[in-house]
C-alpha atoms as a PDB file:
ATOM      1  CA  MET A   1      -3.999  -8.211 -23.602  1.00  0.00           C
ATOM      2  CA  LYS A   2      -0.586  -9.683 -23.013  1.00  0.00           C
ATOM      3  CA  PRO A   3      -0.204 -12.438 -20.375  1.00  0.00           C
ATOM      4  CA  ASN A   4       2.032 -10.405 -17.882  1.00  0.00           C
ATOM      5  CA  TYR A   5      -0.541  -7.861 -17.730  1.00  0.00           C
ATOM      6  CA  ALA A   6      -3.345 -10.260 -17.079  1.00  0.00           C
ATOM      7  CA  THR A   7      -1.305 -11.991 -14.596  1.00  0.00           C
ATOM      8  CA  ALA A   8      -0.490  -8.524 -12.827  1.00  0.00           C
ATOM      9  CA  ILE A   9      -4.067  -7.586 -12.853  1.00  0.00           C
ATOM     10  CA  LEU A  10      -5.255 -10.716 -11.300  1.00  0.00           C
ATOM     11  CA  CYS A  11      -2.660 -10.500  -8.543  1.00  0.00           C
ATOM     12  CA  ILE A  12      -3.826  -6.976  -7.823  1.00  0.00           C
ATOM     13  CA  LEU A  13      -7.503  -8.119  -7.398  1.00  0.00           C
ATOM     14  CA  THR A  14      -6.579 -11.136  -5.342  1.00  0.00           C
ATOM     15  CA  VAL A  15      -4.754  -8.746  -2.744  1.00  0.00           C
ATOM     16  CA  ALA A  16      -7.529  -6.374  -2.694  1.00  0.00           C
ATOM     17  CA  GLY A  17      -9.894  -9.145  -2.172  1.00  0.00           C
ATOM     18  CA  CYS A  18      -7.706 -10.312   0.762  1.00  0.00           C
ATOM     19  CA  ALA A  19      -7.588  -6.922   2.253  1.00  0.00           C
ATOM     20  CA  ALA A  20     -11.267  -6.376   2.323  1.00  0.00           C
ATOM     21  CA  GLY A  21     -11.639  -9.287   4.491  1.00  0.00           C
ATOM     22  CA  ASN A  22     -10.619  -7.479   7.833  1.00  0.00           C
ATOM     23  CA  ARG A  23     -13.818  -5.630   9.058  1.00  0.00           C
ATOM     24  CA  TYR A  24     -12.462  -3.985  11.993  1.00  0.00           C
ATOM     25  CA  GLN A  25      -9.259  -1.883  12.398  1.00  0.00           C
ATOM     26  CA  LEU A  26      -7.608  -0.592  15.640  1.00  0.00           C
ATOM     27  CA  SER A  27      -6.173   2.742  15.932  1.00  0.00           C
ATOM     28  CA  LYS A  28      -5.725   5.574  18.433  1.00  0.00           C
ATOM     29  CA  ASP A  29      -7.589   8.931  18.583  1.00  0.00           C
ATOM     30  CA  ASP A  30      -6.203  12.342  19.094  1.00  0.00           C
ATOM     31  CA  GLN A  31      -6.304  11.845  22.726  1.00  0.00           C
ATOM     32  CA  GLY A  32      -4.306   8.437  22.632  1.00  0.00           C
ATOM     33  CA  HIS A  33      -7.574   6.443  23.235  1.00  0.00           C
ATOM     34  CA  LEU A  34      -7.779   2.739  21.640  1.00  0.00           C
ATOM     35  CA  VAL A  35     -10.796   3.027  19.019  1.00  0.00           C
ATOM     36  CA  ARG A  36     -12.095   0.420  16.633  1.00  0.00           C
ATOM     37  CA  LEU A  37     -13.274   1.381  13.153  1.00  0.00           C
ATOM     38  CA  ASP A  38     -15.881  -0.803  11.420  1.00  0.00           C
ATOM     39  CA  THR A  39     -14.638  -0.807   7.676  1.00  0.00           C
ATOM     40  CA  ARG A  40     -18.145  -1.862   6.458  1.00  0.00           C
ATOM     41  CA  THR A  41     -20.363   0.540   8.276  1.00  0.00           C
ATOM     42  CA  GLY A  42     -17.992   3.529   9.252  1.00  0.00           C
ATOM     43  CA  GLU A  43     -19.046   3.109  12.952  1.00  0.00           C
ATOM     44  CA  VAL A  44     -16.168   4.122  15.405  1.00  0.00           C
ATOM     45  CA  MET A  45     -16.241   2.748  18.799  1.00  0.00           C
ATOM     46  CA  LEU A  46     -14.186   3.832  21.956  1.00  0.00           C
ATOM     47  CA  ILE A  47     -12.516   0.840  23.685  1.00  0.00           C
ATOM     48  CA  GLU A  48     -12.445   1.250  27.345  1.00  0.00           C
ATOM     49  CA  GLY A  49     -11.314  -2.016  29.389  1.00  0.00           C
ATOM     50  CA  ASP A  50     -14.030  -4.613  28.291  1.00  0.00           C
ATOM     51  CA  GLN A  51     -16.525  -1.639  27.043  1.00  0.00           C
ATOM     52  CA  LEU A  52     -17.476  -0.404  23.656  1.00  0.00           C
ATOM     53  CA  THR A  53     -18.772   3.125  23.577  1.00  0.00           C
ATOM     54  CA  PRO A  54     -19.949   4.527  20.220  1.00  0.00           C
ATOM     55  CA  VAL A  55     -18.031   7.799  19.196  1.00  0.00           C
ATOM     56  CA  LYS A  56     -20.637  10.409  17.978  1.00  0.00           C
ATOM     57  CA  GLY A  57     -19.911  12.104  14.571  1.00  0.00           C
ATOM     58  CA  ALA A  58     -16.735   9.992  13.945  1.00  0.00           C
ATOM     59  CA  ALA A  59     -18.335   7.810  11.088  1.00  0.00           C
ATOM     60  CA  ALA A  60     -18.120  10.442   8.353  1.00  0.00           C
ATOM     61  CA  THR A  61     -14.410  11.247   8.808  1.00  0.00           C
ATOM     62  CA  ALA A  62     -13.553   7.547   9.531  1.00  0.00           C
ATOM     63  CA  THR A  63     -14.864   6.362   6.268  1.00  0.00           C
ATOM     64  CA  HIS A  64     -12.608   8.801   4.374  1.00  0.00           C
ATOM     65  CA  SER A  65      -9.400   7.776   6.117  1.00  0.00           C
ATOM     66  CA  ASP A  66      -6.999   5.515   4.039  1.00  0.00           C
ATOM     67  CA  PRO A  67      -6.354   2.160   5.974  1.00  0.00           C
ATOM     68  CA  GLN A  68      -2.580   2.476   5.489  1.00  0.00           C
ATOM     69  CA  ASP A  69      -2.501   5.649   7.206  1.00  0.00           C
ATOM     70  CA  GLU A  70      -4.132   4.122  10.275  1.00  0.00           C
ATOM     71  CA  GLN A  71      -1.861   3.552  13.219  1.00  0.00           C
ATOM     72  CA  ILE A  72      -1.920   0.162  14.892  1.00  0.00           C
ATOM     73  CA  PRO A  73      -1.829   0.648  18.835  1.00  0.00           C
ATOM     74  CA  GLN A  74       1.493  -0.334  20.387  1.00  0.00           C
ATOM     75  CA  VAL A  75       2.082   1.093  23.959  1.00  0.00           C
ATOM     76  CA  MET A  76      -1.030   2.836  25.260  1.00  0.00           C
ATOM     77  CA  LEU A  77      -3.923   0.680  25.669  1.00  0.00           C
ATOM     78  CA  PRO A  78      -7.138   1.027  28.018  1.00  0.00           C
ATOM     79  CA  ASP A  79      -7.436  -0.525  31.310  1.00  0.00           C
ATOM     80  CA  GLY A  80      -7.383  -4.468  30.840  1.00  0.00           C
ATOM     81  CA  GLY A  81      -5.416  -4.007  27.515  1.00  0.00           C
ATOM     82  CA  LYS A  82      -2.012  -5.849  27.263  1.00  0.00           C
ATOM     83  CA  SER A  83       1.181  -4.984  25.261  1.00  0.00           C
ATOM     84  CA  TRP A  84       3.072  -8.144  25.144  1.00  0.00           C
ATOM     85  CA  PRO A  85       6.812  -8.599  25.126  1.00  0.00           C
ATOM     86  CA  THR A  86       8.363  -8.476  21.725  1.00  0.00           C
ATOM     87  CA  LEU A  87       9.654 -11.618  20.080  1.00  0.00           C
ATOM     88  CA  SER A  88      12.582 -12.050  18.021  1.00  0.00           C
ATOM     89  CA  MET A  89      11.943 -14.493  14.809  1.00  0.00           C
ATOM     90  CA  PRO A  90      15.374 -15.237  13.295  1.00  0.00           C
ATOM     91  CA  GLU A  91      13.819 -17.847  10.858  1.00  0.00           C
ATOM     92  CA  LEU A  92      12.132 -14.966   9.300  1.00  0.00           C
ATOM     93  CA  GLY A  93      15.516 -12.805   8.743  1.00  0.00           C
ATOM     94  CA  ASP A  94      15.816 -10.689  11.725  1.00  0.00           C
ATOM     95  CA  THR A  95      12.130 -10.061  12.119  1.00  0.00           C
ATOM     96  CA  ASN A  96      10.367  -9.093  15.335  1.00  0.00           C
ATOM     97  CA  ALA A  97       6.987  -9.889  16.196  1.00  0.00           C
ATOM     98  CA  GLU A  98       4.748  -7.738  18.473  1.00  0.00           C
ATOM     99  CA  LEU A  99       1.268  -8.386  19.911  1.00  0.00           C
ATOM    100  CA  THR A 100      -1.205  -6.185  21.715  1.00  0.00           C
ATOM    101  CA  SER A 101      -4.533  -7.441  22.833  1.00  0.00           C
ATOM    102  CA  TYR A 102      -7.549  -6.670  24.792  1.00  0.00           C
ATOM    103  CA  TRP A 103     -10.564  -8.642  26.136  1.00  0.00           C
ATOM    104  CA  TYR A 104     -14.081  -7.900  25.165  1.00  0.00           C
ATOM    105  CA  ASN A 105     -17.383  -9.981  24.950  1.00  0.00           C
ATOM    106  CA  GLY A 106     -16.048 -13.419  25.594  1.00  0.00           C
ATOM    107  CA  LYS A 107     -12.992 -12.968  23.185  1.00  0.00           C
ATOM    108  CA  LEU A 108      -9.483 -11.820  23.112  1.00  0.00           C
ATOM    109  CA  HIS A 109      -8.960  -9.337  20.329  1.00  0.00           C
ATOM    110  CA  TYR A 110      -5.220  -9.169  19.109  1.00  0.00           C
ATOM    111  CA  VAL A 111      -3.190  -7.070  16.745  1.00  0.00           C
ATOM    112  CA  LEU A 112      -0.044  -8.847  15.362  1.00  0.00           C
ATOM    113  CA  GLU A 113       2.845  -7.077  13.984  1.00  0.00           C
ATOM    114  CA  LEU A 114       5.641  -8.475  12.033  1.00  0.00           C
ATOM    115  CA  HIS A 115       8.517  -6.007  11.319  1.00  0.00           C
ATOM    116  CA  PRO A 116      10.812  -4.867   9.795  1.00  0.00           C
ATOM    117  CA  MET A 117      10.389  -6.109   6.330  1.00  0.00           C
ATOM    118  CA  SER A 118      12.971  -8.402   5.769  1.00  0.00           C
ATOM    119  CA  LYS A 119      13.690 -10.504   2.394  1.00  0.00           C
ATOM    120  CA  ARG A 120      12.106 -13.579   4.042  1.00  0.00           C
ATOM    121  CA  LEU A 121       9.036 -11.759   5.439  1.00  0.00           C
ATOM    122  CA  ASN A 122       8.533 -10.346   1.812  1.00  0.00           C
ATOM    123  CA  LEU A 123       8.776 -13.767   0.441  1.00  0.00           C
ATOM    124  CA  VAL A 124       6.221 -14.834   2.826  1.00  0.00           C
ATOM    125  CA  TYR A 125       3.704 -11.979   1.854  1.00  0.00           C
ATOM    126  CA  SER A 126       4.362 -12.200  -1.827  1.00  0.00           C
ATOM    127  CA  GLY A 127       3.209 -16.062  -1.925  1.00  0.00           C
ATOM    128  CA  TYR A 128       6.570 -17.498  -2.631  1.00  0.00           C
ATOM    129  CA  TYR A 129       5.844 -20.280   0.225  1.00  0.00           C
ATOM    130  CA  SER A 130       2.777 -22.588  -0.713  1.00  0.00           C
ATOM    131  CA  ASN A 131       0.219 -22.133   2.222  1.00  0.00           C
ATOM    132  CA  PRO A 132       2.491 -20.792   4.844  1.00  0.00           C
ATOM    133  CA  SER A 133       0.920 -19.866   8.452  1.00  0.00           C
ATOM    134  CA  PHE A 134       1.706 -18.816  11.822  1.00  0.00           C
ATOM    135  CA  SER A 135       0.624 -20.368  15.042  1.00  0.00           C
ATOM    136  CA  LEU A 136      -0.267 -17.966  17.869  1.00  0.00           C
ATOM    137  CA  THR A 137      -0.334 -19.468  21.527  1.00  0.00           C
ATOM    138  CA  VAL A 138      -0.908 -17.744  24.723  1.00  0.00           C
ATOM    139  CA  SER A 139      -0.028 -19.141  28.196  1.00  0.00           C
ATOM    140  CA  ASN A 140      -0.852 -18.319  31.832  1.00  0.00           C
ATOM    141  CA  THR A 141       1.580 -18.063  34.568  1.00  0.00           C
ATOM    142  CA  ALA A 142       1.981 -21.853  35.078  1.00  0.00           C
ATOM    143  CA  GLY A 143       3.001 -21.915  31.311  1.00  0.00           C
ATOM    144  CA  LYS A 144       0.100 -23.857  30.476  1.00  0.00           C
ATOM    145  CA  HIS A 145      -1.283 -23.204  27.008  1.00  0.00           C
ATOM    146  CA  VAL A 146      -4.706 -21.462  27.490  1.00  0.00           C
ATOM    147  CA  ALA A 147      -5.418 -20.884  23.723  1.00  0.00           C
ATOM    148  CA  TRP A 148      -3.900 -20.936  20.246  1.00  0.00           C
ATOM    149  CA  THR A 149      -5.011 -19.947  16.635  1.00  0.00           C
ATOM    150  CA  ALA A 150      -3.689 -20.737  13.279  1.00  0.00           C
ATOM    151  CA  LEU A 151      -3.168 -17.516  11.212  1.00  0.00           C
ATOM    152  CA  PRO A 152      -2.756 -18.151   7.335  1.00  0.00           C
ATOM    153  CA  ALA A 153      -0.121 -15.825   5.859  1.00  0.00           C
ATOM    154  CA  THR A 154      -2.898 -14.808   3.386  1.00  0.00           C
ATOM    155  CA  ARG A 155      -4.532 -12.823   6.298  1.00  0.00           C
ATOM    156  CA  LEU A 156      -1.409 -10.646   6.834  1.00  0.00           C
ATOM    157  CA  LYS A 157      -1.543  -7.154   5.274  1.00  0.00           C
ATOM    158  CA  HIS A 158       1.187  -4.832   4.336  1.00  0.00           C
ATOM    159  CA  THR A 159       1.122  -1.491   6.330  1.00  0.00           C
ATOM    160  CA  ILE A 160       3.362   1.326   7.641  1.00  0.00           C
ATOM    161  CA  ASN A 161       3.579   1.706  11.332  1.00  0.00           C
ATOM    162  CA  LYS A 162       3.808   5.462  12.099  1.00  0.00           C
ATOM    163  CA  THR A 163       5.554   5.082  15.454  1.00  0.00           C
ATOM    164  CA  ARG A 164       8.399   3.152  14.083  1.00  0.00           C
ATOM    165  CA  ASN A 165       7.900   4.715  10.538  1.00  0.00           C
ATOM    166  CA  GLU A 166       8.407   1.352   8.814  1.00  0.00           C
ATOM    167  CA  GLU A 167       6.903  -1.341   6.680  1.00  0.00           C
ATOM    168  CA  GLN A 168       5.357  -4.088   8.480  1.00  0.00           C
ATOM    169  CA  LEU A 169       2.968  -7.070   8.105  1.00  0.00           C
ATOM    170  CA  SER A 170       0.106  -7.117  10.539  1.00  0.00           C
ATOM    171  CA  ALA A 171      -3.092  -8.956  11.107  1.00  0.00           C
ATOM    172  CA  GLU A 172      -6.011  -8.873  13.542  1.00  0.00           C
ATOM    173  CA  GLY A 173      -8.195 -11.438  14.985  1.00  0.00           C
ATOM    174  CA  VAL A 174     -10.004 -12.953  17.874  1.00  0.00           C
ATOM    175  CA  ILE A 175      -9.783 -15.900  20.009  1.00  0.00           C
ATOM    176  CA  LEU A 176     -12.748 -17.289  22.118  1.00  0.00           C
ATOM    177  CA  MET A 177     -11.744 -16.943  25.879  1.00  0.00           C
ATOM    178  CA  SER A 178     -13.295 -16.144  29.269  1.00  0.00           C
ATOM    179  CA  LYS A 179     -12.295 -13.000  31.237  1.00  0.00           C
ATOM    180  CA  LYS A 180     -10.703 -15.355  33.836  1.00  0.00           C
ATOM    181  CA  ASP A 181      -8.588 -17.023  31.356  1.00  0.00           C
ATOM    182  CA  TYR A 182      -7.593 -13.767  29.692  1.00  0.00           C
ATOM    183  CA  ASP A 183      -6.672 -12.289  33.135  1.00  0.00           C
ATOM    184  CA  SER A 184      -4.404 -15.361  33.861  1.00  0.00           C
ATOM    185  CA  LEU A 185      -2.081 -14.897  30.579  1.00  0.00           C
ATOM    186  CA  ALA A 186       1.347 -14.055  31.149  1.00  0.00           C
ATOM    187  CA  THR A 187       3.263 -15.291  27.954  1.00  0.00           C
ATOM    188  CA  TRP A 188       2.871 -15.778  24.194  1.00  0.00           C
ATOM    189  CA  ASN A 189       4.700 -17.505  21.402  1.00  0.00           C
ATOM    190  CA  LEU A 190       4.541 -17.194  17.484  1.00  0.00           C
ATOM    191  CA  ARG A 191       5.740 -19.910  15.415  1.00  0.00           C
ATOM    192  CA  TRP A 192       6.209 -19.689  11.568  1.00  0.00           C
ATOM    193  CA  ASN A 193       5.035 -22.796   9.638  1.00  0.00           C
ATOM    194  CA  PRO A 194       6.372 -22.629   6.077  1.00  0.00           C
END
């Protein structure tokens, strides 16, 4: 086997392994409700405020869906959900950052989307930079940082957003937080650490 083929196969296996690390995917059902898919078990849960309700009969169809066809929720969130203002990130070449979140079981659950796919954002995704990461910070109305998390660029996955019909990088995660702190949140910030 030629070295170029071996390198390509290794890269594909590495990317597949990184993509397998995201257990849950958020999307909307046909009625516009926010749902969570467990990619390991196929279980689908309806998200209503801070409650998760099992969706009966959805596991069989959910396991056959292609993760790239899943739409990450943008605007319509359940009660208690937040769609945050879009941030401009010129350091990533005319890229925007969008954040959606909800609180459940002592955690802030978030979906981060970076779009459109600029040349710099493609370089971040391709591994051009050594160990790049993002710092996600959420603050209250007084401007005090309530929580932050480091997000390694290796956790970003390449997806297609059906709402905007464009390529993007996205990531999902959780931050430990009380309901009181979550309700006090007013602003967010994202910093790229090349």
